[in-house]
N, C-alpha and C. Protein backbone atom coordinates (compact mmCIF):
# COMPACT_ATOMS: atom_id res chain seq x y z
N MET A 1 -31.09 -214.15 37.83
CA MET A 1 -30.34 -214.87 38.86
C MET A 1 -29.30 -213.94 39.52
N SER A 2 -28.44 -213.36 38.67
CA SER A 2 -27.39 -212.49 39.21
C SER A 2 -27.98 -211.30 39.95
N GLU A 3 -29.04 -210.71 39.37
CA GLU A 3 -29.65 -209.52 39.98
C GLU A 3 -30.01 -209.78 41.44
N GLU A 4 -30.62 -210.93 41.67
CA GLU A 4 -31.04 -211.29 43.03
C GLU A 4 -29.82 -211.44 43.95
N LEU A 5 -28.78 -212.05 43.40
CA LEU A 5 -27.55 -212.26 44.17
C LEU A 5 -26.90 -210.91 44.51
N PHE A 6 -26.86 -210.01 43.52
CA PHE A 6 -26.29 -208.68 43.76
C PHE A 6 -27.04 -207.98 44.90
N LYS A 7 -28.37 -208.09 44.87
CA LYS A 7 -29.20 -207.47 45.91
C LYS A 7 -28.86 -208.02 47.29
N GLN A 8 -28.72 -209.36 47.35
CA GLN A 8 -28.39 -210.00 48.63
C GLN A 8 -27.00 -209.56 49.11
N MET A 9 -26.07 -209.44 48.15
CA MET A 9 -24.71 -209.01 48.50
C MET A 9 -24.74 -207.61 49.13
N ALA A 10 -25.44 -206.71 48.45
CA ALA A 10 -25.53 -205.34 48.95
C ALA A 10 -26.15 -205.34 50.35
N GLN A 11 -27.21 -206.12 50.50
CA GLN A 11 -27.92 -206.17 51.78
C GLN A 11 -27.03 -206.73 52.90
N SER A 12 -26.20 -207.71 52.56
CA SER A 12 -25.33 -208.30 53.59
C SER A 12 -24.36 -207.25 54.14
N ILE A 13 -23.94 -206.33 53.28
CA ILE A 13 -23.04 -205.25 53.71
C ILE A 13 -23.81 -204.24 54.55
N ILE A 14 -25.00 -203.87 54.07
CA ILE A 14 -25.85 -202.91 54.79
C ILE A 14 -26.14 -203.44 56.20
N ASP A 15 -26.38 -204.75 56.30
CA ASP A 15 -26.67 -205.35 57.61
C ASP A 15 -25.39 -205.61 58.42
N GLY A 16 -24.24 -205.40 57.78
CA GLY A 16 -22.97 -205.66 58.48
C GLY A 16 -22.80 -207.11 58.85
N ASP A 17 -23.30 -208.01 57.98
CA ASP A 17 -23.28 -209.44 58.26
C ASP A 17 -22.13 -210.13 57.52
N SER A 18 -21.00 -210.24 58.21
CA SER A 18 -19.79 -210.79 57.58
C SER A 18 -19.96 -212.25 57.16
N ASP A 19 -20.67 -213.04 57.99
CA ASP A 19 -20.86 -214.46 57.65
C ASP A 19 -21.62 -214.59 56.34
N LEU A 20 -22.65 -213.78 56.21
CA LEU A 20 -23.47 -213.85 54.99
C LEU A 20 -22.70 -213.31 53.79
N SER A 21 -21.93 -212.23 53.98
CA SER A 21 -21.19 -211.68 52.85
C SER A 21 -20.17 -212.69 52.32
N VAL A 22 -19.56 -213.44 53.25
CA VAL A 22 -18.59 -214.48 52.85
C VAL A 22 -19.31 -215.60 52.10
N GLU A 23 -20.46 -215.99 52.62
CA GLU A 23 -21.24 -217.05 51.99
C GLU A 23 -21.63 -216.66 50.55
N LEU A 24 -22.05 -215.41 50.39
CA LEU A 24 -22.46 -214.93 49.06
C LEU A 24 -21.26 -214.81 48.12
N ALA A 25 -20.12 -214.43 48.69
CA ALA A 25 -18.90 -214.36 47.87
C ALA A 25 -18.53 -215.75 47.36
N LYS A 26 -18.69 -216.75 48.23
CA LYS A 26 -18.39 -218.14 47.83
C LYS A 26 -19.36 -218.60 46.74
N LYS A 27 -20.60 -218.18 46.91
CA LYS A 27 -21.62 -218.54 45.93
C LYS A 27 -21.26 -217.95 44.55
N ALA A 28 -20.79 -216.71 44.57
CA ALA A 28 -20.40 -216.05 43.32
C ALA A 28 -19.28 -216.83 42.64
N ILE A 29 -18.34 -217.33 43.44
CA ILE A 29 -17.22 -218.12 42.89
C ILE A 29 -17.75 -219.43 42.30
N GLU A 30 -18.67 -220.06 43.02
CA GLU A 30 -19.25 -221.33 42.54
C GLU A 30 -19.90 -221.19 41.17
N ILE A 31 -20.62 -220.07 40.99
CA ILE A 31 -21.33 -219.91 39.71
C ILE A 31 -20.47 -219.19 38.66
N ASN A 32 -19.15 -219.12 38.97
CA ASN A 32 -18.20 -218.51 38.03
C ASN A 32 -18.51 -217.05 37.69
N MET A 33 -19.05 -216.33 38.66
CA MET A 33 -19.25 -214.90 38.44
C MET A 33 -17.89 -214.22 38.53
N HIS A 34 -17.65 -213.23 37.69
CA HIS A 34 -16.37 -212.52 37.77
C HIS A 34 -16.29 -211.81 39.13
N PRO A 35 -15.20 -212.02 39.88
CA PRO A 35 -15.12 -211.43 41.22
C PRO A 35 -15.29 -209.91 41.23
N LEU A 36 -14.79 -209.26 40.18
CA LEU A 36 -14.93 -207.80 40.12
C LEU A 36 -16.39 -207.39 40.01
N GLU A 37 -17.13 -208.22 39.29
CA GLU A 37 -18.55 -207.95 39.11
C GLU A 37 -19.27 -208.09 40.46
N ALA A 38 -18.91 -209.13 41.19
CA ALA A 38 -19.50 -209.34 42.52
C ALA A 38 -19.21 -208.14 43.42
N ILE A 39 -17.99 -207.63 43.32
CA ILE A 39 -17.61 -206.49 44.16
C ILE A 39 -18.36 -205.22 43.73
N THR A 40 -18.28 -204.90 42.45
CA THR A 40 -18.82 -203.60 42.02
C THR A 40 -20.34 -203.56 41.93
N LYS A 41 -20.95 -204.67 41.48
CA LYS A 41 -22.41 -204.63 41.30
C LYS A 41 -23.14 -205.13 42.54
N GLY A 42 -22.41 -205.80 43.42
CA GLY A 42 -23.04 -206.35 44.62
C GLY A 42 -22.62 -205.62 45.88
N PHE A 43 -21.45 -206.01 46.38
CA PHE A 43 -21.02 -205.55 47.69
C PHE A 43 -20.83 -204.03 47.79
N VAL A 44 -20.21 -203.43 46.77
CA VAL A 44 -19.94 -201.99 46.83
C VAL A 44 -21.23 -201.17 46.91
N VAL A 45 -22.28 -201.68 46.28
CA VAL A 45 -23.56 -200.98 46.32
C VAL A 45 -24.01 -200.80 47.78
N GLY A 46 -23.78 -201.86 48.56
CA GLY A 46 -24.13 -201.80 49.97
C GLY A 46 -23.26 -200.81 50.73
N VAL A 47 -21.96 -200.84 50.44
CA VAL A 47 -21.03 -199.92 51.11
C VAL A 47 -21.40 -198.47 50.79
N ASN A 48 -21.66 -198.21 49.52
CA ASN A 48 -22.00 -196.85 49.13
C ASN A 48 -23.28 -196.38 49.80
N TYR A 49 -24.23 -197.30 49.91
CA TYR A 49 -25.51 -196.96 50.54
C TYR A 49 -25.29 -196.57 52.01
N ILE A 50 -24.54 -197.41 52.72
CA ILE A 50 -24.28 -197.11 54.13
C ILE A 50 -23.48 -195.81 54.26
N GLY A 51 -22.54 -195.61 53.35
CA GLY A 51 -21.75 -194.36 53.36
C GLY A 51 -22.64 -193.15 53.18
N ASP A 52 -23.59 -193.24 52.25
CA ASP A 52 -24.53 -192.14 52.02
C ASP A 52 -25.40 -191.90 53.25
N GLN A 53 -25.89 -193.00 53.82
CA GLN A 53 -26.75 -192.90 55.00
C GLN A 53 -25.99 -192.26 56.16
N PHE A 54 -24.71 -192.62 56.26
CA PHE A 54 -23.86 -192.07 57.31
C PHE A 54 -23.71 -190.56 57.11
N GLY A 55 -23.50 -190.18 55.85
CA GLY A 55 -23.36 -188.77 55.50
C GLY A 55 -24.61 -187.98 55.84
N LEU A 56 -25.76 -188.62 55.72
CA LEU A 56 -27.04 -187.96 56.00
C LEU A 56 -27.41 -188.02 57.48
N GLY A 57 -26.58 -188.71 58.25
CA GLY A 57 -26.87 -188.85 59.68
C GLY A 57 -27.92 -189.91 59.96
N GLU A 58 -28.19 -190.76 58.95
CA GLU A 58 -29.20 -191.83 59.12
C GLU A 58 -28.55 -193.13 59.61
N ALA A 59 -27.25 -193.24 59.39
CA ALA A 59 -26.54 -194.43 59.89
C ALA A 59 -25.40 -193.92 60.77
N PHE A 60 -24.94 -194.78 61.67
CA PHE A 60 -23.94 -194.31 62.63
C PHE A 60 -22.64 -195.11 62.51
N LEU A 61 -21.61 -194.61 63.18
CA LEU A 61 -20.28 -195.19 63.03
C LEU A 61 -20.22 -196.71 63.22
N PRO A 62 -20.88 -197.28 64.25
CA PRO A 62 -20.80 -198.74 64.40
C PRO A 62 -21.30 -199.48 63.16
N GLU A 63 -22.37 -198.93 62.54
CA GLU A 63 -22.91 -199.58 61.33
C GLU A 63 -21.91 -199.47 60.18
N LEU A 64 -21.26 -198.32 60.11
CA LEU A 64 -20.27 -198.09 59.07
C LEU A 64 -19.11 -199.07 59.24
N VAL A 65 -18.68 -199.22 60.48
CA VAL A 65 -17.57 -200.13 60.77
C VAL A 65 -17.95 -201.58 60.44
N MET A 66 -19.17 -201.97 60.84
CA MET A 66 -19.60 -203.35 60.56
C MET A 66 -19.74 -203.60 59.06
N ALA A 67 -20.22 -202.59 58.35
CA ALA A 67 -20.33 -202.72 56.89
C ALA A 67 -18.94 -202.89 56.29
N GLY A 68 -17.99 -202.13 56.82
CA GLY A 68 -16.60 -202.23 56.34
C GLY A 68 -16.01 -203.60 56.59
N GLU A 69 -16.31 -204.16 57.77
CA GLU A 69 -15.81 -205.50 58.11
C GLU A 69 -16.42 -206.55 57.18
N ALA A 70 -17.73 -206.41 56.92
CA ALA A 70 -18.41 -207.38 56.04
C ALA A 70 -17.84 -207.28 54.62
N MET A 71 -17.51 -206.05 54.22
CA MET A 71 -16.92 -205.83 52.89
C MET A 71 -15.54 -206.48 52.83
N LYS A 72 -14.74 -206.24 53.87
CA LYS A 72 -13.39 -206.82 53.92
C LYS A 72 -13.44 -208.33 53.84
N ALA A 73 -14.39 -208.93 54.58
CA ALA A 73 -14.52 -210.38 54.62
C ALA A 73 -14.89 -210.93 53.25
N ALA A 74 -15.81 -210.24 52.56
CA ALA A 74 -16.24 -210.67 51.23
C ALA A 74 -15.07 -210.59 50.25
N VAL A 75 -14.34 -209.48 50.34
CA VAL A 75 -13.22 -209.29 49.40
C VAL A 75 -12.11 -210.31 49.66
N ALA A 76 -11.87 -210.61 50.95
CA ALA A 76 -10.84 -211.60 51.29
C ALA A 76 -11.19 -212.96 50.68
N THR A 77 -12.50 -213.25 50.63
CA THR A 77 -12.96 -214.51 50.04
C THR A 77 -12.75 -214.51 48.53
N LEU A 78 -12.96 -213.34 47.92
CA LEU A 78 -12.83 -213.25 46.45
C LEU A 78 -11.38 -213.05 46.01
N GLU A 79 -10.53 -212.63 46.94
CA GLU A 79 -9.14 -212.29 46.63
C GLU A 79 -8.39 -213.37 45.83
N PRO A 80 -8.44 -214.65 46.27
CA PRO A 80 -7.69 -215.68 45.52
C PRO A 80 -8.13 -215.75 44.05
N GLU A 81 -9.44 -215.55 43.82
CA GLU A 81 -9.94 -215.58 42.43
C GLU A 81 -9.40 -214.38 41.65
N LEU A 82 -9.37 -213.24 42.33
CA LEU A 82 -8.86 -212.03 41.68
C LEU A 82 -7.39 -212.20 41.32
N ILE A 83 -6.65 -212.82 42.25
CA ILE A 83 -5.22 -213.02 42.01
C ILE A 83 -5.01 -213.96 40.82
N LYS A 84 -5.84 -215.01 40.77
CA LYS A 84 -5.75 -215.94 39.63
C LYS A 84 -5.95 -215.20 38.32
N LEU A 85 -6.98 -214.37 38.30
CA LEU A 85 -7.26 -213.61 37.08
C LEU A 85 -6.19 -212.55 36.85
N GLY A 86 -5.71 -212.00 37.97
CA GLY A 86 -4.76 -210.89 37.88
C GLY A 86 -3.38 -211.32 37.48
N SER A 87 -3.04 -212.58 37.75
CA SER A 87 -1.67 -213.01 37.46
C SER A 87 -1.39 -212.92 35.97
N ALA A 88 -2.46 -212.93 35.20
CA ALA A 88 -2.27 -212.88 33.75
C ALA A 88 -2.11 -211.45 33.24
N ARG A 89 -2.32 -210.48 34.14
CA ARG A 89 -2.22 -209.10 33.62
C ARG A 89 -1.14 -208.33 34.35
N GLU A 90 -0.54 -207.39 33.66
CA GLU A 90 0.53 -206.60 34.28
C GLU A 90 -0.09 -205.73 35.36
N THR A 91 0.74 -205.34 36.33
CA THR A 91 0.21 -204.44 37.33
C THR A 91 0.13 -203.04 36.72
N LEU A 92 -0.91 -202.32 37.07
CA LEU A 92 -1.14 -201.00 36.48
C LEU A 92 -0.26 -199.93 37.12
N GLY A 93 0.20 -200.22 38.33
CA GLY A 93 1.03 -199.23 39.02
C GLY A 93 1.06 -199.52 40.50
N ARG A 94 2.00 -198.88 41.21
CA ARG A 94 2.10 -199.08 42.66
C ARG A 94 1.55 -197.86 43.40
N VAL A 95 0.72 -198.15 44.39
CA VAL A 95 0.05 -197.08 45.12
C VAL A 95 0.30 -197.22 46.62
N VAL A 96 0.63 -196.10 47.27
CA VAL A 96 0.71 -196.07 48.73
C VAL A 96 -0.53 -195.33 49.22
N LEU A 97 -1.29 -195.98 50.10
CA LEU A 97 -2.49 -195.37 50.66
C LEU A 97 -2.30 -195.10 52.14
N ALA A 98 -2.84 -194.01 52.61
CA ALA A 98 -2.78 -193.73 54.04
C ALA A 98 -3.86 -192.74 54.42
N THR A 99 -4.31 -192.84 55.66
CA THR A 99 -5.13 -191.77 56.22
C THR A 99 -4.13 -190.85 56.93
N VAL A 100 -4.30 -189.55 56.75
CA VAL A 100 -3.28 -188.60 57.21
C VAL A 100 -3.20 -188.51 58.74
N GLU A 101 -2.10 -187.90 59.18
CA GLU A 101 -1.83 -187.76 60.61
C GLU A 101 -3.00 -187.12 61.35
N GLY A 102 -3.31 -187.68 62.53
CA GLY A 102 -4.38 -187.10 63.34
C GLY A 102 -5.76 -187.62 63.00
N ASP A 103 -5.84 -188.45 61.96
CA ASP A 103 -7.14 -188.93 61.49
C ASP A 103 -7.14 -190.46 61.54
N ILE A 104 -8.23 -191.03 62.08
CA ILE A 104 -8.22 -192.49 62.23
C ILE A 104 -9.33 -193.15 61.42
N HIS A 105 -9.80 -192.49 60.40
CA HIS A 105 -10.88 -193.08 59.60
C HIS A 105 -10.34 -194.04 58.57
N GLU A 106 -10.92 -195.20 58.55
CA GLU A 106 -10.34 -196.32 57.81
C GLU A 106 -11.19 -196.76 56.63
N ILE A 107 -12.52 -196.72 56.79
CA ILE A 107 -13.41 -197.42 55.86
C ILE A 107 -13.23 -197.02 54.40
N GLY A 108 -13.35 -195.72 54.13
CA GLY A 108 -13.27 -195.27 52.74
C GLY A 108 -11.94 -195.65 52.11
N LYS A 109 -10.87 -195.44 52.88
CA LYS A 109 -9.53 -195.74 52.36
C LYS A 109 -9.37 -197.24 52.08
N THR A 110 -9.85 -198.06 53.01
CA THR A 110 -9.74 -199.51 52.84
C THR A 110 -10.48 -199.94 51.58
N LEU A 111 -11.62 -199.33 51.38
CA LEU A 111 -12.42 -199.68 50.20
C LEU A 111 -11.70 -199.27 48.92
N VAL A 112 -11.09 -198.09 48.94
CA VAL A 112 -10.32 -197.64 47.77
C VAL A 112 -9.18 -198.63 47.50
N GLY A 113 -8.51 -199.05 48.57
CA GLY A 113 -7.42 -200.02 48.43
C GLY A 113 -7.91 -201.32 47.82
N THR A 114 -9.04 -201.77 48.32
CA THR A 114 -9.65 -203.01 47.81
C THR A 114 -9.95 -202.89 46.33
N MET A 115 -10.58 -201.79 45.95
CA MET A 115 -10.98 -201.60 44.56
C MET A 115 -9.76 -201.44 43.65
N LEU A 116 -8.74 -200.76 44.14
CA LEU A 116 -7.51 -200.59 43.33
C LEU A 116 -6.83 -201.94 43.12
N SER A 117 -6.72 -202.73 44.20
CA SER A 117 -6.10 -204.07 44.08
C SER A 117 -6.90 -204.90 43.10
N ALA A 118 -8.22 -204.83 43.25
CA ALA A 118 -9.10 -205.63 42.40
C ALA A 118 -8.96 -205.23 40.94
N SER A 119 -8.55 -203.99 40.72
CA SER A 119 -8.45 -203.50 39.34
C SER A 119 -7.04 -203.64 38.77
N GLY A 120 -6.13 -204.22 39.56
CA GLY A 120 -4.81 -204.50 39.00
C GLY A 120 -3.68 -203.61 39.49
N PHE A 121 -3.93 -202.80 40.53
CA PHE A 121 -2.85 -202.01 41.11
C PHE A 121 -2.22 -202.78 42.27
N GLU A 122 -0.94 -202.49 42.50
CA GLU A 122 -0.27 -203.06 43.68
C GLU A 122 -0.43 -202.02 44.78
N VAL A 123 -1.10 -202.39 45.87
CA VAL A 123 -1.42 -201.40 46.89
C VAL A 123 -0.71 -201.69 48.20
N THR A 124 -0.08 -200.67 48.77
CA THR A 124 0.48 -200.76 50.11
C THR A 124 -0.33 -199.80 50.97
N ASP A 125 -1.07 -200.36 51.91
CA ASP A 125 -1.93 -199.54 52.77
C ASP A 125 -1.24 -199.35 54.12
N LEU A 126 -0.84 -198.11 54.41
CA LEU A 126 -0.11 -197.84 55.65
C LEU A 126 -1.04 -197.71 56.86
N GLY A 127 -2.34 -197.66 56.61
CA GLY A 127 -3.27 -197.53 57.74
C GLY A 127 -3.59 -196.08 58.03
N VAL A 128 -3.90 -195.81 59.30
CA VAL A 128 -4.39 -194.48 59.66
C VAL A 128 -3.34 -193.69 60.44
N ASP A 129 -3.60 -192.39 60.58
CA ASP A 129 -2.77 -191.51 61.42
C ASP A 129 -1.30 -191.53 60.99
N GLN A 130 -1.07 -191.34 59.70
CA GLN A 130 0.30 -191.44 59.17
C GLN A 130 0.91 -190.07 58.88
N PRO A 131 2.06 -189.77 59.47
CA PRO A 131 2.73 -188.50 59.19
C PRO A 131 3.31 -188.46 57.77
N ALA A 132 3.52 -187.25 57.29
CA ALA A 132 3.99 -187.04 55.91
C ALA A 132 5.26 -187.82 55.60
N ASP A 133 6.24 -187.77 56.51
CA ASP A 133 7.53 -188.42 56.20
C ASP A 133 7.38 -189.93 56.04
N LYS A 134 6.47 -190.52 56.81
CA LYS A 134 6.22 -191.96 56.71
C LYS A 134 5.64 -192.29 55.33
N ILE A 135 4.64 -191.50 54.93
CA ILE A 135 3.95 -191.74 53.66
C ILE A 135 4.94 -191.62 52.50
N ILE A 136 5.71 -190.53 52.54
CA ILE A 136 6.66 -190.29 51.44
C ILE A 136 7.78 -191.33 51.45
N GLY A 137 8.25 -191.66 52.66
CA GLY A 137 9.33 -192.66 52.78
C GLY A 137 8.92 -193.98 52.15
N LYS A 138 7.69 -194.39 52.42
CA LYS A 138 7.19 -195.66 51.89
C LYS A 138 7.09 -195.60 50.37
N ALA A 139 6.62 -194.47 49.86
CA ALA A 139 6.46 -194.31 48.41
C ALA A 139 7.82 -194.42 47.71
N ILE A 140 8.84 -193.83 48.32
CA ILE A 140 10.19 -193.90 47.74
C ILE A 140 10.70 -195.34 47.82
N GLU A 141 10.48 -195.95 48.97
CA GLU A 141 10.98 -197.32 49.21
C GLU A 141 10.43 -198.31 48.18
N ILE A 142 9.15 -198.22 47.85
CA ILE A 142 8.59 -199.20 46.92
C ILE A 142 8.47 -198.65 45.49
N ASP A 143 9.01 -197.44 45.31
CA ASP A 143 8.97 -196.79 44.00
C ASP A 143 7.52 -196.68 43.50
N ALA A 144 6.67 -196.12 44.36
CA ALA A 144 5.25 -195.98 44.01
C ALA A 144 5.07 -194.83 43.04
N GLN A 145 4.08 -194.99 42.17
CA GLN A 145 3.77 -193.91 41.23
C GLN A 145 2.68 -192.99 41.77
N ILE A 146 1.90 -193.53 42.73
CA ILE A 146 0.78 -192.76 43.26
C ILE A 146 0.73 -192.84 44.79
N ILE A 147 0.47 -191.68 45.41
CA ILE A 147 0.16 -191.66 46.83
C ILE A 147 -1.31 -191.28 46.95
N GLY A 148 -2.07 -192.08 47.69
CA GLY A 148 -3.48 -191.75 47.90
C GLY A 148 -3.69 -191.41 49.36
N MET A 149 -4.25 -190.23 49.63
CA MET A 149 -4.44 -189.81 51.02
C MET A 149 -5.90 -189.53 51.32
N SER A 150 -6.33 -190.03 52.47
CA SER A 150 -7.71 -189.82 52.88
C SER A 150 -7.72 -188.96 54.14
N ALA A 151 -8.73 -188.10 54.23
CA ALA A 151 -8.95 -187.33 55.46
C ALA A 151 -10.45 -187.19 55.63
N LEU A 152 -10.93 -187.43 56.84
CA LEU A 152 -12.37 -187.33 57.04
C LEU A 152 -12.73 -186.12 57.90
N LEU A 153 -11.72 -185.45 58.40
CA LEU A 153 -11.99 -184.31 59.27
C LEU A 153 -11.47 -183.03 58.62
N THR A 154 -12.19 -181.96 58.79
CA THR A 154 -11.73 -180.68 58.22
C THR A 154 -10.42 -180.27 58.88
N THR A 155 -10.21 -180.71 60.12
CA THR A 155 -8.98 -180.34 60.83
C THR A 155 -7.75 -181.09 60.32
N THR A 156 -7.95 -182.24 59.70
CA THR A 156 -6.77 -183.00 59.24
C THR A 156 -6.53 -182.85 57.73
N MET A 157 -7.47 -182.20 57.06
CA MET A 157 -7.30 -181.99 55.61
C MET A 157 -5.96 -181.35 55.26
N VAL A 158 -5.53 -180.40 56.13
CA VAL A 158 -4.30 -179.65 55.85
C VAL A 158 -3.09 -180.56 55.73
N ARG A 159 -3.17 -181.74 56.36
CA ARG A 159 -2.04 -182.67 56.27
C ARG A 159 -1.81 -183.13 54.83
N GLN A 160 -2.89 -183.16 54.06
CA GLN A 160 -2.72 -183.56 52.66
C GLN A 160 -1.82 -182.54 51.94
N ARG A 161 -2.06 -181.27 52.27
CA ARG A 161 -1.24 -180.23 51.65
C ARG A 161 0.22 -180.38 52.07
N GLU A 162 0.45 -180.72 53.35
CA GLU A 162 1.83 -180.87 53.85
C GLU A 162 2.59 -181.93 53.07
N VAL A 163 1.93 -183.03 52.79
CA VAL A 163 2.59 -184.11 52.04
C VAL A 163 2.97 -183.63 50.65
N ILE A 164 2.05 -182.91 50.02
CA ILE A 164 2.31 -182.41 48.66
C ILE A 164 3.47 -181.40 48.67
N GLU A 165 3.48 -180.51 49.66
CA GLU A 165 4.56 -179.51 49.74
C GLU A 165 5.90 -180.19 49.96
N GLU A 166 5.89 -181.24 50.78
CA GLU A 166 7.11 -181.98 51.08
C GLU A 166 7.63 -182.68 49.81
N LEU A 167 6.71 -183.27 49.06
CA LEU A 167 7.09 -183.95 47.81
C LEU A 167 7.71 -182.94 46.83
N ASP A 168 7.09 -181.76 46.75
CA ASP A 168 7.61 -180.71 45.85
C ASP A 168 9.02 -180.32 46.27
N LYS A 169 9.18 -180.15 47.60
CA LYS A 169 10.47 -179.73 48.14
C LYS A 169 11.56 -180.74 47.79
N GLU A 170 11.18 -182.00 47.83
CA GLU A 170 12.17 -183.06 47.56
C GLU A 170 12.28 -183.38 46.07
N GLY A 171 11.57 -182.62 45.26
CA GLY A 171 11.65 -182.81 43.80
C GLY A 171 11.08 -184.13 43.33
N LEU A 172 10.10 -184.66 44.06
CA LEU A 172 9.56 -185.98 43.71
C LEU A 172 8.32 -185.91 42.82
N ARG A 173 7.86 -184.71 42.55
CA ARG A 173 6.74 -184.62 41.61
C ARG A 173 7.29 -184.03 40.33
N PRO A 174 6.75 -184.36 39.19
CA PRO A 174 5.53 -185.15 38.99
C PRO A 174 5.74 -186.66 38.96
N ARG A 175 6.94 -187.13 39.34
CA ARG A 175 7.17 -188.58 39.30
C ARG A 175 6.14 -189.32 40.15
N ILE A 176 5.87 -188.78 41.35
CA ILE A 176 4.84 -189.37 42.20
C ILE A 176 3.59 -188.50 42.13
N LYS A 177 2.51 -189.12 41.74
CA LYS A 177 1.23 -188.40 41.64
C LYS A 177 0.48 -188.53 42.97
N VAL A 178 -0.34 -187.54 43.27
CA VAL A 178 -1.06 -187.54 44.54
C VAL A 178 -2.57 -187.49 44.33
N MET A 179 -3.25 -188.47 44.92
CA MET A 179 -4.71 -188.49 44.90
C MET A 179 -5.22 -188.20 46.30
N VAL A 180 -6.27 -187.40 46.39
CA VAL A 180 -6.84 -187.10 47.70
C VAL A 180 -8.33 -187.45 47.72
N GLY A 181 -8.81 -187.77 48.91
CA GLY A 181 -10.23 -188.09 49.05
C GLY A 181 -10.64 -188.01 50.50
N GLY A 182 -11.93 -188.20 50.73
CA GLY A 182 -12.48 -188.12 52.08
C GLY A 182 -13.65 -187.16 52.07
N ALA A 183 -14.51 -187.30 53.06
CA ALA A 183 -15.76 -186.54 53.08
C ALA A 183 -15.61 -185.02 52.89
N PRO A 184 -14.66 -184.37 53.59
CA PRO A 184 -14.63 -182.90 53.45
C PRO A 184 -13.88 -182.42 52.22
N ILE A 185 -13.33 -183.34 51.46
CA ILE A 185 -12.48 -182.94 50.33
C ILE A 185 -13.35 -182.55 49.14
N THR A 186 -13.12 -181.35 48.64
CA THR A 186 -13.89 -180.85 47.49
C THR A 186 -12.95 -180.60 46.33
N ARG A 187 -13.54 -180.36 45.18
CA ARG A 187 -12.74 -180.04 44.00
C ARG A 187 -11.91 -178.78 44.24
N ASP A 188 -12.50 -177.81 44.96
CA ASP A 188 -11.78 -176.57 45.26
C ASP A 188 -10.52 -176.84 46.05
N TRP A 189 -10.68 -177.68 47.08
CA TRP A 189 -9.53 -178.02 47.94
C TRP A 189 -8.47 -178.75 47.14
N PHE A 190 -8.93 -179.69 46.31
CA PHE A 190 -8.02 -180.48 45.48
C PHE A 190 -7.20 -179.56 44.57
N GLN A 191 -7.86 -178.54 44.00
CA GLN A 191 -7.15 -177.61 43.11
C GLN A 191 -6.22 -176.70 43.91
N LYS A 192 -6.70 -176.29 45.08
CA LYS A 192 -5.94 -175.37 45.92
C LYS A 192 -4.60 -175.99 46.35
N ILE A 193 -4.61 -177.27 46.72
CA ILE A 193 -3.37 -177.90 47.19
C ILE A 193 -2.59 -178.52 46.03
N LYS A 194 -3.13 -178.34 44.81
CA LYS A 194 -2.45 -178.81 43.59
C LYS A 194 -2.19 -180.32 43.59
N ALA A 195 -3.19 -181.08 44.05
CA ALA A 195 -3.08 -182.54 43.97
C ALA A 195 -3.31 -182.94 42.51
N ASP A 196 -3.04 -184.21 42.19
CA ASP A 196 -3.17 -184.67 40.80
C ASP A 196 -4.51 -185.31 40.52
N GLY A 197 -5.15 -185.84 41.57
CA GLY A 197 -6.40 -186.54 41.35
C GLY A 197 -7.29 -186.46 42.57
N TYR A 198 -8.58 -186.55 42.33
CA TYR A 198 -9.54 -186.46 43.44
C TYR A 198 -10.77 -187.26 43.06
N SER A 199 -11.31 -187.98 44.03
CA SER A 199 -12.53 -188.72 43.75
C SER A 199 -13.42 -188.73 44.97
N GLU A 200 -14.73 -188.80 44.71
CA GLU A 200 -15.67 -188.82 45.82
C GLU A 200 -15.92 -190.23 46.34
N ASP A 201 -15.62 -191.24 45.51
CA ASP A 201 -15.87 -192.60 45.99
C ASP A 201 -14.82 -193.56 45.44
N ALA A 202 -14.91 -194.79 45.91
CA ALA A 202 -13.87 -195.78 45.59
C ALA A 202 -13.86 -196.16 44.11
N VAL A 203 -15.04 -196.22 43.52
CA VAL A 203 -15.11 -196.60 42.10
C VAL A 203 -14.47 -195.49 41.26
N GLY A 204 -14.77 -194.25 41.63
CA GLY A 204 -14.18 -193.10 40.94
C GLY A 204 -12.67 -193.06 41.12
N ALA A 205 -12.22 -193.48 42.31
CA ALA A 205 -10.78 -193.44 42.61
C ALA A 205 -10.00 -194.35 41.66
N VAL A 206 -10.60 -195.47 41.30
CA VAL A 206 -9.94 -196.40 40.38
C VAL A 206 -9.77 -195.74 39.01
N LYS A 207 -10.82 -195.06 38.59
CA LYS A 207 -10.80 -194.38 37.30
C LYS A 207 -9.71 -193.30 37.29
N VAL A 208 -9.64 -192.54 38.38
CA VAL A 208 -8.65 -191.48 38.49
C VAL A 208 -7.23 -192.07 38.48
N ALA A 209 -7.04 -193.14 39.25
CA ALA A 209 -5.71 -193.77 39.30
C ALA A 209 -5.28 -194.26 37.92
N LYS A 210 -6.23 -194.84 37.19
CA LYS A 210 -5.91 -195.31 35.84
C LYS A 210 -5.54 -194.13 34.93
N GLU A 211 -6.28 -193.04 35.06
CA GLU A 211 -5.98 -191.84 34.25
C GLU A 211 -4.58 -191.31 34.58
N LEU A 212 -4.25 -191.29 35.87
CA LEU A 212 -2.94 -190.78 36.28
C LEU A 212 -1.80 -191.65 35.73
N MET A 213 -2.10 -192.94 35.56
CA MET A 213 -1.09 -193.86 35.01
C MET A 213 -1.16 -193.90 33.49
N GLY A 214 -2.05 -193.09 32.93
CA GLY A 214 -2.20 -193.09 31.46
C GLY A 214 -2.81 -194.38 30.95
N LYS A 215 -3.61 -195.04 31.83
CA LYS A 215 -4.20 -196.33 31.42
C LYS A 215 -5.71 -196.25 31.47
N SER A 216 -6.25 -195.09 31.20
CA SER A 216 -7.72 -194.97 31.33
C SER A 216 -8.39 -195.88 30.31
N ASP A 217 -9.56 -196.37 30.68
CA ASP A 217 -10.28 -197.30 29.78
C ASP A 217 -10.68 -196.53 28.53
N GLN A 218 -10.08 -196.95 27.45
CA GLN A 218 -10.41 -196.24 26.20
C GLN A 218 -11.79 -196.62 25.74
């Protein structure tokens, strides 16, 4: 039963069908499926597929955007259930997410935010095209433990380094940990700019964030 539902969930994202993704999310709630399970085994599979296709040049930006919208709609439907379940657990940590200055790519970052919230983190998503001082200012304001930065262009990757250098200058590390991600980001780059965490996808990002908070799944 669940297997079929997971398949339909993934497909609704691949097709960018927000109405259907919401309907399937409601169905998951009706049958008492754990919302996290619906997200990770159903909807995210579709997002990852479209992301891979996009990377291969088989899918295009409008499809990626529609998949992102369908994902957002599904998660918004599951959110109240997640909050109900989440109210019983402590928050794992506070995270500020942003796409760096000069870059307007939203999908991957939004998905990371969704997955982090779903896993028990308090997430403040500043959106796209954010300068270093804005990102750092917000992290200080809410006393965040983690800053997560996304960049999808090789030309904007350097902004990630600027944020890290600024944090060092202000003596805010290691109190604030920095996670980086985005298509052009490699392990080499992550090591070169001395970030604290790096992940290729949203599910991995949750694992990294938990490790940085010392809460990795034992």
